[in-house]
Amino acid sequence: MSGFGKRDVTEILELLENELDAVPRLEKVEKMKLRAKIRHHENWLLTLENPKPAKIIVRLQGRLAEIFRLYPSSFKDKLGGLLEDKCSKLDRSSPE
């Protein structure tokens, strides 16, 4: 199985960034800094070989711990659903 495409990675990063809008008590400048940290993981996501949703969530939580602390607990389910969709699409499109 190959890795994510540019469009898939963009959708994942947009979900992470858009969830910051729902976080109360964050100043605009702080949100901008956190979004920049999220965008810095684009190349990492693009180069993942054989991505698995659970593994990606754990790695993202480790890399973006200060951001994941701000998200509600239900966010991991939402991110997991998106990653499941993306990974299943990769499974279907990969040559056997």
PDB file of N, CA and C in Angstrom:
ATOM      1  N   MET A   1       0.843  -1.168   0.000  1.00  0.00           N
ATOM      2  CA  MET A   1       0.000   0.000   0.000  1.00  0.00           C
ATOM      3  C   MET A   1       0.895   1.239   0.000  1.00  0.00           C
ATOM      4  N   SER A   2       0.480   2.214  -0.719  1.00  0.00           N
ATOM      5  CA  SER A   2       1.250   3.454  -0.766  1.00  0.00           C
ATOM      6  C   SER A   2       0.782   4.404   0.326  1.00  0.00           C
ATOM      7  N   GLY A   3       1.268   5.622   0.266  1.00  0.00           N
ATOM      8  CA  GLY A   3       0.914   6.613   1.263  1.00  0.00           C
ATOM      9  C   GLY A   3      -0.221   7.503   0.810  1.00  0.00           C
ATOM     10  N   PHE A   4      -0.518   8.487   1.638  1.00  0.00           N
ATOM     11  CA  PHE A   4      -1.573   9.446   1.345  1.00  0.00           C
ATOM     12  C   PHE A   4      -1.182  10.354   0.193  1.00  0.00           C
ATOM     13  N   GLY A   5      -2.179  10.825  -0.529  1.00  0.00           N
ATOM     14  CA  GLY A   5      -1.970  11.812  -1.564  1.00  0.00           C
ATOM     15  C   GLY A   5      -2.066  13.212  -0.978  1.00  0.00           C
ATOM     16  N   LYS A   6      -1.722  14.187  -1.764  1.00  0.00           N
ATOM     17  CA  LYS A   6      -1.735  15.592  -1.320  1.00  0.00           C
ATOM     18  C   LYS A   6      -3.130  16.008  -0.848  1.00  0.00           C
ATOM     19  N   ARG A   7      -4.169  15.620  -1.587  1.00  0.00           N
ATOM     20  CA  ARG A   7      -5.540  15.997  -1.221  1.00  0.00           C
ATOM     21  C   ARG A   7      -5.944  15.369   0.111  1.00  0.00           C
ATOM     22  N   ASP A   8      -5.563  14.118   0.332  1.00  0.00           N
ATOM     23  CA  ASP A   8      -5.886  13.442   1.590  1.00  0.00           C
ATOM     24  C   ASP A   8      -5.220  14.140   2.777  1.00  0.00           C
ATOM     25  N   VAL A   9      -3.962  14.465   2.621  1.00  0.00           N
ATOM     26  CA  VAL A   9      -3.220  15.133   3.696  1.00  0.00           C
ATOM     27  C   VAL A   9      -3.827  16.504   3.976  1.00  0.00           C
ATOM     28  N   THR A  10      -4.215  17.221   2.931  1.00  0.00           N
ATOM     29  CA  THR A  10      -4.835  18.531   3.109  1.00  0.00           C
ATOM     30  C   THR A  10      -6.123  18.409   3.918  1.00  0.00           C
ATOM     31  N   GLU A  11      -6.933  17.399   3.642  1.00  0.00           N
ATOM     32  CA  GLU A  11      -8.182  17.200   4.383  1.00  0.00           C
ATOM     33  C   GLU A  11      -7.913  16.881   5.851  1.00  0.00           C
ATOM     34  N   ILE A  12      -6.908  16.077   6.113  1.00  0.00           N
ATOM     35  CA  ILE A  12      -6.562  15.734   7.494  1.00  0.00           C
ATOM     36  C   ILE A  12      -6.101  16.975   8.251  1.00  0.00           C
ATOM     37  N   LEU A  13      -5.215  17.750   7.628  1.00  0.00           N
ATOM     38  CA  LEU A  13      -4.712  18.957   8.281  1.00  0.00           C
ATOM     39  C   LEU A  13      -5.812  19.994   8.470  1.00  0.00           C
ATOM     40  N   GLU A  14      -6.716  20.102   7.509  1.00  0.00           N
ATOM     41  CA  GLU A  14      -7.826  21.049   7.649  1.00  0.00           C
ATOM     42  C   GLU A  14      -8.726  20.672   8.820  1.00  0.00           C
ATOM     43  N   LEU A  15      -8.953  19.375   9.015  1.00  0.00           N
ATOM     44  CA  LEU A  15      -9.753  18.944  10.162  1.00  0.00           C
ATOM     45  C   LEU A  15      -9.073  19.363  11.463  1.00  0.00           C
ATOM     46  N   LEU A  16      -7.771  19.141  11.550  1.00  0.00           N
ATOM     47  CA  LEU A  16      -7.026  19.529  12.754  1.00  0.00           C
ATOM     48  C   LEU A  16      -7.085  21.041  12.977  1.00  0.00           C
ATOM     49  N   GLU A  17      -6.925  21.808  11.903  1.00  0.00           N
ATOM     50  CA  GLU A  17      -6.940  23.270  12.015  1.00  0.00           C
ATOM     51  C   GLU A  17      -8.332  23.797  12.338  1.00  0.00           C
ATOM     52  N   ASN A  18      -9.346  23.272  11.679  1.00  0.00           N
ATOM     53  CA  ASN A  18     -10.705  23.770  11.886  1.00  0.00           C
ATOM     54  C   ASN A  18     -11.211  23.480  13.292  1.00  0.00           C
ATOM     55  N   GLU A  19     -10.720  22.422  13.892  1.00  0.00           N
ATOM     56  CA  GLU A  19     -11.143  22.095  15.254  1.00  0.00           C
ATOM     57  C   GLU A  19     -10.657  23.152  16.249  1.00  0.00           C
ATOM     58  N   LEU A  20      -9.610  23.878  15.898  1.00  0.00           N
ATOM     59  CA  LEU A  20      -9.123  24.946  16.780  1.00  0.00           C
ATOM     60  C   LEU A  20     -10.146  26.064  16.917  1.00  0.00           C
ATOM     61  N   ASP A  21     -10.995  26.247  15.895  1.00  0.00           N
ATOM     62  CA  ASP A  21     -12.008  27.302  15.968  1.00  0.00           C
ATOM     63  C   ASP A  21     -13.014  27.044  17.081  1.00  0.00           C
ATOM     64  N   ALA A  22     -13.224  25.802  17.437  1.00  0.00           N
ATOM     65  CA  ALA A  22     -14.180  25.450  18.482  1.00  0.00           C
ATOM     66  C   ALA A  22     -13.580  25.546  19.885  1.00  0.00           C
ATOM     67  N   VAL A  23     -12.278  25.769  19.969  1.00  0.00           N
ATOM     68  CA  VAL A  23     -11.616  25.844  21.271  1.00  0.00           C
ATOM     69  C   VAL A  23     -11.835  27.244  21.857  1.00  0.00           C
ATOM     70  N   PRO A  24     -12.460  27.311  23.021  1.00  0.00           N
ATOM     71  CA  PRO A  24     -12.689  28.628  23.633  1.00  0.00           C
ATOM     72  C   PRO A  24     -11.409  29.209  24.244  1.00  0.00           C
ATOM     73  N   ARG A  25     -11.417  30.482  24.413  1.00  0.00           N
ATOM     74  CA  ARG A  25     -10.347  31.217  25.107  1.00  0.00           C
ATOM     75  C   ARG A  25      -8.978  31.137  24.448  1.00  0.00           C
ATOM     76  N   LEU A  26      -8.933  31.029  23.144  1.00  0.00           N
ATOM     77  CA  LEU A  26      -7.653  31.081  22.444  1.00  0.00           C
ATOM     78  C   LEU A  26      -7.604  32.374  21.649  1.00  0.00           C
ATOM     79  N   GLU A  27      -6.529  33.107  21.827  1.00  0.00           N
ATOM     80  CA  GLU A  27      -6.381  34.350  21.080  1.00  0.00           C
ATOM     81  C   GLU A  27      -6.037  34.050  19.630  1.00  0.00           C
ATOM     82  N   LYS A  28      -6.293  35.020  18.780  1.00  0.00           N
ATOM     83  CA  LYS A  28      -6.082  34.853  17.351  1.00  0.00           C
ATOM     84  C   LYS A  28      -4.628  34.506  17.025  1.00  0.00           C
ATOM     85  N   VAL A  29      -3.700  35.191  17.658  1.00  0.00           N
ATOM     86  CA  VAL A  29      -2.280  34.951  17.401  1.00  0.00           C
ATOM     87  C   VAL A  29      -1.884  33.538  17.835  1.00  0.00           C
ATOM     88  N   GLU A  30      -2.425  33.095  18.958  1.00  0.00           N
ATOM     89  CA  GLU A  30      -2.123  31.744  19.435  1.00  0.00           C
ATOM     90  C   GLU A  30      -2.661  30.693  18.461  1.00  0.00           C
ATOM     91  N   LYS A  31      -3.868  30.922  17.946  1.00  0.00           N
ATOM     92  CA  LYS A  31      -4.431  29.994  16.964  1.00  0.00           C
ATOM     93  C   LYS A  31      -3.569  29.944  15.704  1.00  0.00           C
ATOM     94  N   MET A  32      -3.051  31.091  15.294  1.00  0.00           N
ATOM     95  CA  MET A  32      -2.187  31.129  14.107  1.00  0.00           C
ATOM     96  C   MET A  32      -0.926  30.308  14.339  1.00  0.00           C
ATOM     97  N   LYS A  33      -0.330  30.408  15.512  1.00  0.00           N
ATOM     98  CA  LYS A  33       0.874  29.642  15.829  1.00  0.00           C
ATOM     99  C   LYS A  33       0.582  28.141  15.840  1.00  0.00           C
ATOM    100  N   LEU A  34      -0.561  27.771  16.416  1.00  0.00           N
ATOM    101  CA  LEU A  34      -0.918  26.351  16.480  1.00  0.00           C
ATOM    102  C   LEU A  34      -1.206  25.800  15.087  1.00  0.00           C
ATOM    103  N   ARG A  35      -1.852  26.594  14.240  1.00  0.00           N
ATOM    104  CA  ARG A  35      -2.102  26.147  12.866  1.00  0.00           C
ATOM    105  C   ARG A  35      -0.789  25.942  12.110  1.00  0.00           C
ATOM    106  N   ALA A  36       0.176  26.803  12.350  1.00  0.00           N
ATOM    107  CA  ALA A  36       1.482  26.656  11.701  1.00  0.00           C
ATOM    108  C   ALA A  36       2.144  25.345  12.149  1.00  0.00           C
ATOM    109  N   LYS A  37       2.041  25.014  13.447  1.00  0.00           N
ATOM    110  CA  LYS A  37       2.605  23.756  13.931  1.00  0.00           C
ATOM    111  C   LYS A  37       1.941  22.559  13.254  1.00  0.00           C
ATOM    112  N   ILE A  38       0.637  22.660  13.053  1.00  0.00           N
ATOM    113  CA  ILE A  38      -0.093  21.570  12.386  1.00  0.00           C
ATOM    114  C   ILE A  38       0.391  21.421  10.951  1.00  0.00           C
ATOM    115  N   ARG A  39       0.531  22.531  10.238  1.00  0.00           N
ATOM    116  CA  ARG A  39       0.944  22.491   8.828  1.00  0.00           C
ATOM    117  C   ARG A  39       2.356  21.938   8.655  1.00  0.00           C
ATOM    118  N   HIS A  40       3.180  22.042   9.676  1.00  0.00           N
ATOM    119  CA  HIS A  40       4.558  21.530   9.590  1.00  0.00           C
ATOM    120  C   HIS A  40       4.600  20.006   9.489  1.00  0.00           C
ATOM    121  N   HIS A  41       3.472  19.347   9.702  1.00  0.00           N
ATOM    122  CA  HIS A  41       3.427  17.886   9.642  1.00  0.00           C
ATOM    123  C   HIS A  41       2.944  17.369   8.294  1.00  0.00           C
ATOM    124  N   GLU A  42       2.812  18.259   7.327  1.00  0.00           N
ATOM    125  CA  GLU A  42       2.348  17.855   6.001  1.00  0.00           C
ATOM    126  C   GLU A  42       3.295  16.851   5.355  1.00  0.00           C
ATOM    127  N   ASN A  43       4.581  17.160   5.341  1.00  0.00           N
ATOM    128  CA  ASN A  43       5.550  16.256   4.708  1.00  0.00           C
ATOM    129  C   ASN A  43       5.609  14.907   5.412  1.00  0.00           C
ATOM    130  N   TRP A  44       5.497  14.915   6.723  1.00  0.00           N
ATOM    131  CA  TRP A  44       5.497  13.660   7.468  1.00  0.00           C
ATOM    132  C   TRP A  44       4.322  12.791   7.031  1.00  0.00           C
ATOM    133  N   LEU A  45       3.130  13.391   6.915  1.00  0.00           N
ATOM    134  CA  LEU A  45       1.958  12.620   6.492  1.00  0.00           C
ATOM    135  C   LEU A  45       2.085  12.142   5.047  1.00  0.00           C
ATOM    136  N   LEU A  46       2.687  12.956   4.201  1.00  0.00           N
ATOM    137  CA  LEU A  46       2.850  12.572   2.796  1.00  0.00           C
ATOM    138  C   LEU A  46       3.819  11.404   2.624  1.00  0.00           C
ATOM    139  N   THR A  47       4.784  11.276   3.504  1.00  0.00           N
ATOM    140  CA  THR A  47       5.804  10.241   3.350  1.00  0.00           C
ATOM    141  C   THR A  47       5.498   8.959   4.123  1.00  0.00           C
ATOM    142  N   LEU A  48       4.370   8.910   4.833  1.00  0.00           N
ATOM    143  CA  LEU A  48       4.016   7.689   5.563  1.00  0.00           C
ATOM    144  C   LEU A  48       3.774   6.544   4.589  1.00  0.00           C
ATOM    145  N   GLU A  49       4.395   5.437   4.859  1.00  0.00           N
ATOM    146  CA  GLU A  49       4.165   4.228   4.070  1.00  0.00           C
ATOM    147  C   GLU A  49       3.253   3.311   4.866  1.00  0.00           C
ATOM    148  N   ASN A  50       2.273   2.740   4.210  1.00  0.00           N
ATOM    149  CA  ASN A  50       1.344   1.811   4.830  1.00  0.00           C
ATOM    150  C   ASN A  50       0.689   2.398   6.088  1.00  0.00           C
ATOM    151  N   PRO A  51       0.006   3.546   5.949  1.00  0.00           N
ATOM    152  CA  PRO A  51      -0.576   4.211   7.124  1.00  0.00           C
ATOM    153  C   PRO A  51      -1.730   3.424   7.732  1.00  0.00           C
ATOM    154  N   LYS A  52      -1.782   3.412   9.039  1.00  0.00           N
ATOM    155  CA  LYS A  52      -2.861   2.790   9.813  1.00  0.00           C
ATOM    156  C   LYS A  52      -3.452   3.862  10.721  1.00  0.00           C
ATOM    157  N   PRO A  53      -4.777   3.985  10.793  1.00  0.00           N
ATOM    158  CA  PRO A  53      -5.415   5.070  11.563  1.00  0.00           C
ATOM    159  C   PRO A  53      -4.963   5.160  13.010  1.00  0.00           C
ATOM    160  N   ALA A  54      -4.942   4.051  13.725  1.00  0.00           N
ATOM    161  CA  ALA A  54      -4.566   4.084  15.143  1.00  0.00           C
ATOM    162  C   ALA A  54      -3.125   4.557  15.324  1.00  0.00           C
ATOM    163  N   LYS A  55      -2.247   4.083  14.462  1.00  0.00           N
ATOM    164  CA  LYS A  55      -0.837   4.468  14.545  1.00  0.00           C
ATOM    165  C   LYS A  55      -0.664   5.964  14.258  1.00  0.00           C
ATOM    166  N   ILE A  56      -1.402   6.467  13.290  1.00  0.00           N
ATOM    167  CA  ILE A  56      -1.303   7.888  12.934  1.00  0.00           C
ATOM    168  C   ILE A  56      -1.801   8.764  14.078  1.00  0.00           C
ATOM    169  N   ILE A  57      -2.913   8.376  14.692  1.00  0.00           N
ATOM    170  CA  ILE A  57      -3.460   9.170  15.804  1.00  0.00           C
ATOM    171  C   ILE A  57      -2.464   9.223  16.961  1.00  0.00           C
ATOM    172  N   VAL A  58      -1.876   8.087  17.298  1.00  0.00           N
ATOM    173  CA  VAL A  58      -0.900   8.050  18.395  1.00  0.00           C
ATOM    174  C   VAL A  58       0.299   8.935  18.077  1.00  0.00           C
ATOM    175  N   ARG A  59       0.794   8.840  16.851  1.00  0.00           N
ATOM    176  CA  ARG A  59       1.964   9.640  16.467  1.00  0.00           C
ATOM    177  C   ARG A  59       1.628  11.126  16.454  1.00  0.00           C
ATOM    178  N   LEU A  60       0.430  11.476  15.942  1.00  0.00           N
ATOM    179  CA  LEU A  60       0.029  12.888  15.940  1.00  0.00           C
ATOM    180  C   LEU A  60      -0.140  13.415  17.361  1.00  0.00           C
ATOM    181  N   GLN A  61      -0.704  12.592  18.233  1.00  0.00           N
ATOM    182  CA  GLN A  61      -0.846  13.011  19.628  1.00  0.00           C
ATOM    183  C   GLN A  61       0.511  13.258  20.272  1.00  0.00           C
ATOM    184  N   GLY A  62       1.490  12.458  19.935  1.00  0.00           N
ATOM    185  CA  GLY A  62       2.828  12.664  20.467  1.00  0.00           C
ATOM    186  C   GLY A  62       3.486  13.911  19.909  1.00  0.00           C
ATOM    187  N   ARG A  63       3.306  14.151  18.615  1.00  0.00           N
ATOM    188  CA  ARG A  63       3.937  15.290  17.963  1.00  0.00           C
ATOM    189  C   ARG A  63       3.226  16.600  18.280  1.00  0.00           C
ATOM    190  N   LEU A  64       1.906  16.542  18.465  1.00  0.00           N
ATOM    191  CA  LEU A  64       1.104  17.747  18.687  1.00  0.00           C
ATOM    192  C   LEU A  64       0.383  17.674  20.033  1.00  0.00           C
ATOM    193  N   ALA A  65       1.095  17.268  21.063  1.00  0.00           N
ATOM    194  CA  ALA A  65       0.479  17.036  22.374  1.00  0.00           C
ATOM    195  C   ALA A  65      -0.211  18.288  22.911  1.00  0.00           C
ATOM    196  N   GLU A  66       0.418  19.448  22.792  1.00  0.00           N
ATOM    197  CA  GLU A  66      -0.178  20.675  23.338  1.00  0.00           C
ATOM    198  C   GLU A  66      -1.455  21.062  22.602  1.00  0.00           C
ATOM    199  N   ILE A  67      -1.574  20.653  21.350  1.00  0.00           N
ATOM    200  CA  ILE A  67      -2.782  20.956  20.573  1.00  0.00           C
ATOM    201  C   ILE A  67      -3.876  19.938  20.896  1.00  0.00           C
ATOM    202  N   PHE A  68      -3.535  18.677  20.995  1.00  0.00           N
ATOM    203  CA  PHE A  68      -4.534  17.648  21.287  1.00  0.00           C
ATOM    204  C   PHE A  68      -5.141  17.828  22.676  1.00  0.00           C
ATOM    205  N   ARG A  69      -4.399  18.438  23.601  1.00  0.00           N
ATOM    206  CA  ARG A  69      -4.949  18.716  24.933  1.00  0.00           C
ATOM    207  C   ARG A  69      -6.097  19.711  24.872  1.00  0.00           C
ATOM    208  N   LEU A  70      -6.106  20.565  23.848  1.00  0.00           N
ATOM    209  CA  LEU A  70      -7.149  21.576  23.709  1.00  0.00           C
ATOM    210  C   LEU A  70      -8.438  21.019  23.109  1.00  0.00           C
ATOM    211  N   TYR A  71      -8.323  19.949  22.351  1.00  0.00           N
ATOM    212  CA  TYR A  71      -9.478  19.381  21.657  1.00  0.00           C
ATOM    213  C   TYR A  71     -10.389  18.636  22.628  1.00  0.00           C
ATOM    214  N   PRO A  72     -11.694  18.574  22.316  1.00  0.00           N
ATOM    215  CA  PRO A  72     -12.583  17.746  23.146  1.00  0.00           C
ATOM    216  C   PRO A  72     -12.257  16.262  22.949  1.00  0.00           C
ATOM    217  N   SER A  73     -12.670  15.453  23.901  1.00  0.00           N
ATOM    218  CA  SER A  73     -12.336  14.022  23.830  1.00  0.00           C
ATOM    219  C   SER A  73     -12.970  13.337  22.626  1.00  0.00           C
ATOM    220  N   SER A  74     -14.070  13.869  22.125  1.00  0.00           N
ATOM    221  CA  SER A  74     -14.739  13.262  20.969  1.00  0.00           C
ATOM    222  C   SER A  74     -13.986  13.511  19.662  1.00  0.00           C
ATOM    223  N   PHE A  75     -12.990  14.381  19.687  1.00  0.00           N
ATOM    224  CA  PHE A  75     -12.268  14.699  18.456  1.00  0.00           C
ATOM    225  C   PHE A  75     -11.507  13.498  17.911  1.00  0.00           C
ATOM    226  N   LYS A  76     -10.957  12.663  18.798  1.00  0.00           N
ATOM    227  CA  LYS A  76     -10.215  11.487  18.326  1.00  0.00           C
ATOM    228  C   LYS A  76     -11.104  10.565  17.504  1.00  0.00           C
ATOM    229  N   ASP A  77     -12.381  10.468  17.877  1.00  0.00           N
ATOM    230  CA  ASP A  77     -13.315   9.646  17.096  1.00  0.00           C
ATOM    231  C   ASP A  77     -13.534  10.240  15.708  1.00  0.00           C
ATOM    232  N   LYS A  78     -13.668  11.555  15.654  1.00  0.00           N
ATOM    233  CA  LYS A  78     -13.876  12.228  14.375  1.00  0.00           C
ATOM    234  C   LYS A  78     -12.644  12.064  13.479  1.00  0.00           C
ATOM    235  N   LEU A  79     -11.459  12.255  14.054  1.00  0.00           N
ATOM    236  CA  LEU A  79     -10.215  12.083  13.302  1.00  0.00           C
ATOM    237  C   LEU A  79     -10.045  10.622  12.887  1.00  0.00           C
ATOM    238  N   GLY A  80     -10.375   9.708  13.783  1.00  0.00           N
ATOM    239  CA  GLY A  80     -10.273   8.287  13.467  1.00  0.00           C
ATOM    240  C   GLY A  80     -11.177   7.893  12.307  1.00  0.00           C
ATOM    241  N   GLY A  81     -12.379   8.451  12.267  1.00  0.00           N
ATOM    242  CA  GLY A  81     -13.294   8.172  11.159  1.00  0.00           C
ATOM    243  C   GLY A  81     -12.747   8.649   9.827  1.00  0.00           C
ATOM    244  N   LEU A  82     -12.189   9.852   9.830  1.00  0.00           N
ATOM    245  CA  LEU A  82     -11.601  10.392   8.601  1.00  0.00           C
ATOM    246  C   LEU A  82     -10.417   9.534   8.148  1.00  0.00           C
ATOM    247  N   LEU A  83      -9.561   9.157   9.092  1.00  0.00           N
ATOM    248  CA  LEU A  83      -8.399   8.339   8.748  1.00  0.00           C
ATOM    249  C   LEU A  83      -8.805   6.948   8.263  1.00  0.00           C
ATOM    250  N   GLU A  84      -9.858   6.382   8.853  1.00  0.00           N
ATOM    251  CA  GLU A  84     -10.375   5.081   8.389  1.00  0.00           C
ATOM    252  C   GLU A  84     -10.804   5.178   6.934  1.00  0.00           C
ATOM    253  N   ASP A  85     -11.528   6.258   6.601  1.00  0.00           N
ATOM    254  CA  ASP A  85     -11.969   6.461   5.215  1.00  0.00           C
ATOM    255  C   ASP A  85     -10.776   6.564   4.268  1.00  0.00           C
ATOM    256  N   LYS A  86      -9.801   7.357   4.654  1.00  0.00           N
ATOM    257  CA  LYS A  86      -8.625   7.569   3.797  1.00  0.00           C
ATOM    258  C   LYS A  86      -7.835   6.275   3.617  1.00  0.00           C
ATOM    259  N   CYS A  87      -7.650   5.538   4.698  1.00  0.00           N
ATOM    260  CA  CYS A  87      -6.878   4.296   4.620  1.00  0.00           C
ATOM    261  C   CYS A  87      -7.628   3.215   3.839  1.00  0.00           C
ATOM    262  N   SER A  88      -8.941   3.158   3.991  1.00  0.00           N
ATOM    263  CA  SER A  88      -9.696   2.165   3.218  1.00  0.00           C
ATOM    264  C   SER A  88      -9.674   2.506   1.741  1.00  0.00           C
ATOM    265  N   LYS A  89      -9.654   3.796   1.412  1.00  0.00           N
ATOM    266  CA  LYS A  89      -9.540   4.206   0.008  1.00  0.00           C
ATOM    267  C   LYS A  89      -8.181   3.792  -0.551  1.00  0.00           C
ATOM    268  N   LEU A  90      -7.134   3.895   0.276  1.00  0.00           N
ATOM    269  CA  LEU A  90      -5.805   3.455  -0.158  1.00  0.00           C
ATOM    270  C   LEU A  90      -5.786   1.941  -0.378  1.00  0.00           C
ATOM    271  N   ASP A  91      -6.448   1.197   0.490  1.00  0.00           N
ATOM    272  CA  ASP A  91      -6.499  -0.256   0.357  1.00  0.00           C
ATOM    273  C   ASP A  91      -7.173  -0.651  -0.951  1.00  0.00           C
ATOM    274  N   ARG A  92      -8.258   0.034  -1.277  1.00  0.00           N
ATOM    275  CA  ARG A  92      -8.988  -0.299  -2.507  1.00  0.00           C
ATOM    276  C   ARG A  92      -8.211   0.059  -3.755  1.00  0.00           C
ATOM    277  N   SER A  93      -7.441   1.151  -3.700  1.00  0.00           N
ATOM    278  CA  SER A  93      -6.732   1.613  -4.906  1.00  0.00           C
ATOM    279  C   SER A  93      -5.366   0.965  -5.096  1.00  0.00           C
ATOM    280  N   SER A  94      -4.855   0.302  -4.057  1.00  0.00           N
ATOM    281  CA  SER A  94      -3.519  -0.297  -4.185  1.00  0.00           C
ATOM    282  C   SER A  94      -3.591  -1.576  -5.019  1.00  0.00           C
ATOM    283  N   PRO A  95      -2.582  -1.796  -5.905  1.00  0.00           N
ATOM    284  CA  PRO A  95      -2.566  -3.011  -6.714  1.00  0.00           C
ATOM    285  C   PRO A  95      -2.226  -4.225  -5.853  1.00  0.00           C
ATOM    286  N   GLU A  96      -2.836  -5.327  -6.119  1.00  0.00           N
ATOM    287  CA  GLU A  96      -2.622  -6.529  -5.301  1.00  0.00           C
ATOM    288  C   GLU A  96      -1.751  -7.509  -6.032  1.00  0.00           C
TER     289      GLU A  96
END
